[in-house]
Amino acid sequence: MFNIVATICFLQLTNLPPMCLANAYIPVDFETKDECLLKRNVLVQEIDEDLKARHVSMILYCIEKPKVQSTNV
């Protein structure tokens, strides 16, 4: 399984330097990396103009979903 993760940067917040928030996790699972990349590309096209108008930059990338193992403690 794969998920999309984003780093979001606000470029013009008053007189502050650009402020970035890393590892914004999008909780949608994709079976393959190719499927994840395809959805990421569609998402980029859908939000590009809105982000530019708001002076926001976003980096989207696909990662393999972390596997959580339970243990008896």
C-alpha atoms as a PDB file:
ATOM      1  CA  MET A   1       0.000   0.000   0.000  1.00  0.00           C
ATOM      2  CA  PHE A   2       1.068   3.572  -0.700  1.00  0.00           C
ATOM      3  CA  ASN A   3      -0.016   6.997   0.554  1.00  0.00           C
ATOM      4  CA  ILE A   4       0.447  10.574  -0.590  1.00  0.00           C
ATOM      5  CA  VAL A   5       2.389  12.858   1.738  1.00  0.00           C
ATOM      6  CA  ALA A   6       2.689  16.628   1.344  1.00  0.00           C
ATOM      7  CA  THR A   7       5.006  19.418   2.416  1.00  0.00           C
ATOM      8  CA  ILE A   8       3.069  22.696   2.362  1.00  0.00           C
ATOM      9  CA  CYS A   9       4.825  26.086   2.288  1.00  0.00           C
ATOM     10  CA  PHE A  10       3.141  29.429   2.896  1.00  0.00           C
ATOM     11  CA  LEU A  11       5.168  31.917   0.890  1.00  0.00           C
ATOM     12  CA  GLN A  12       3.758  35.283   1.949  1.00  0.00           C
ATOM     13  CA  LEU A  13       2.601  35.334   5.558  1.00  0.00           C
ATOM     14  CA  THR A  14       2.901  38.995   6.590  1.00  0.00           C
ATOM     15  CA  ASN A  15       6.575  39.818   7.092  1.00  0.00           C
ATOM     16  CA  LEU A  16       7.629  36.291   8.092  1.00  0.00           C
ATOM     17  CA  PRO A  17       9.897  34.155   5.926  1.00  0.00           C
ATOM     18  CA  PRO A  18       8.256  31.233   4.108  1.00  0.00           C
ATOM     19  CA  MET A  19       6.805  28.768   6.600  1.00  0.00           C
ATOM     20  CA  CYS A  20       6.634  25.068   5.725  1.00  0.00           C
ATOM     21  CA  LEU A  21       4.741  22.203   7.310  1.00  0.00           C
ATOM     22  CA  ALA A  22       6.188  18.789   6.524  1.00  0.00           C
ATOM     23  CA  ASN A  23       4.707  15.300   6.375  1.00  0.00           C
ATOM     24  CA  ALA A  24       1.036  16.140   5.927  1.00  0.00           C
ATOM     25  CA  TYR A  25      -0.324  12.622   5.527  1.00  0.00           C
ATOM     26  CA  ILE A  26      -3.269  12.058   3.155  1.00  0.00           C
ATOM     27  CA  PRO A  27      -5.089   9.001   4.559  1.00  0.00           C
ATOM     28  CA  VAL A  28      -6.045   7.312   1.281  1.00  0.00           C
ATOM     29  CA  ASP A  29      -4.484   3.952   0.446  1.00  0.00           C
ATOM     30  CA  PHE A  30      -3.331   3.032  -3.060  1.00  0.00           C
ATOM     31  CA  GLU A  31      -2.468  -0.538  -4.028  1.00  0.00           C
ATOM     32  CA  THR A  32       0.580   0.330  -6.134  1.00  0.00           C
ATOM     33  CA  LYS A  33       3.091   3.158  -6.386  1.00  0.00           C
ATOM     34  CA  ASP A  34       1.985   3.786  -9.980  1.00  0.00           C
ATOM     35  CA  GLU A  35      -1.626   4.260  -8.831  1.00  0.00           C
ATOM     36  CA  CYS A  36      -0.456   6.626  -6.103  1.00  0.00           C
ATOM     37  CA  LEU A  37       1.645   8.655  -8.544  1.00  0.00           C
ATOM     38  CA  LEU A  38      -1.242   8.863 -10.999  1.00  0.00           C
ATOM     39  CA  LYS A  39      -3.610  10.220  -8.332  1.00  0.00           C
ATOM     40  CA  ARG A  40      -0.910  12.624  -7.121  1.00  0.00           C
ATOM     41  CA  ASN A  41      -0.540  14.007 -10.653  1.00  0.00           C
ATOM     42  CA  VAL A  42      -4.306  14.481 -10.986  1.00  0.00           C
ATOM     43  CA  LEU A  43      -4.414  16.227  -7.599  1.00  0.00           C
ATOM     44  CA  VAL A  44      -1.583  18.564  -8.624  1.00  0.00           C
ATOM     45  CA  GLN A  45      -3.484  19.617 -11.753  1.00  0.00           C
ATOM     46  CA  GLU A  46      -6.690  20.204  -9.762  1.00  0.00           C
ATOM     47  CA  ILE A  47      -5.166  22.436  -7.068  1.00  0.00           C
ATOM     48  CA  ASP A  48      -2.325  24.200  -8.920  1.00  0.00           C
ATOM     49  CA  GLU A  49      -4.105  27.460  -9.818  1.00  0.00           C
ATOM     50  CA  ASP A  50      -5.707  27.812  -6.377  1.00  0.00           C
ATOM     51  CA  LEU A  51      -2.374  27.345  -4.606  1.00  0.00           C
ATOM     52  CA  LYS A  52      -0.680  29.915  -6.850  1.00  0.00           C
ATOM     53  CA  ALA A  53      -3.436  32.451  -6.149  1.00  0.00           C
ATOM     54  CA  ARG A  54      -2.948  31.936  -2.402  1.00  0.00           C
ATOM     55  CA  HIS A  55       0.888  32.021  -2.577  1.00  0.00           C
ATOM     56  CA  VAL A  56       1.133  28.475  -1.281  1.00  0.00           C
ATOM     57  CA  SER A  57       3.577  25.892  -2.536  1.00  0.00           C
ATOM     58  CA  MET A  58       3.079  22.161  -2.047  1.00  0.00           C
ATOM     59  CA  ILE A  59       5.280  19.158  -2.702  1.00  0.00           C
ATOM     60  CA  LEU A  60       3.387  15.872  -2.995  1.00  0.00           C
ATOM     61  CA  TYR A  61       5.099  12.508  -2.996  1.00  0.00           C
ATOM     62  CA  CYS A  62       4.157   8.866  -2.574  1.00  0.00           C
ATOM     63  CA  ILE A  63       5.519   6.680   0.211  1.00  0.00           C
ATOM     64  CA  GLU A  64       5.027   3.072   1.119  1.00  0.00           C
ATOM     65  CA  LYS A  65       2.523   2.838   3.944  1.00  0.00           C
ATOM     66  CA  PRO A  66       4.268   2.036   7.218  1.00  0.00           C
ATOM     67  CA  LYS A  67       3.426  -1.404   8.560  1.00  0.00           C
ATOM     68  CA  VAL A  68       2.468  -1.430  12.195  1.00  0.00           C
ATOM     69  CA  GLN A  69       3.038  -4.664  14.085  1.00  0.00           C
ATOM     70  CA  SER A  70       1.443  -5.329  17.402  1.00  0.00           C
ATOM     71  CA  THR A  71       3.472  -7.079  20.071  1.00  0.00           C
ATOM     72  CA  ASN A  72       2.630  -8.570  23.422  1.00  0.00           C
ATOM     73  CA  VAL A  73       4.252  -6.480  26.102  1.00  0.00           C
END
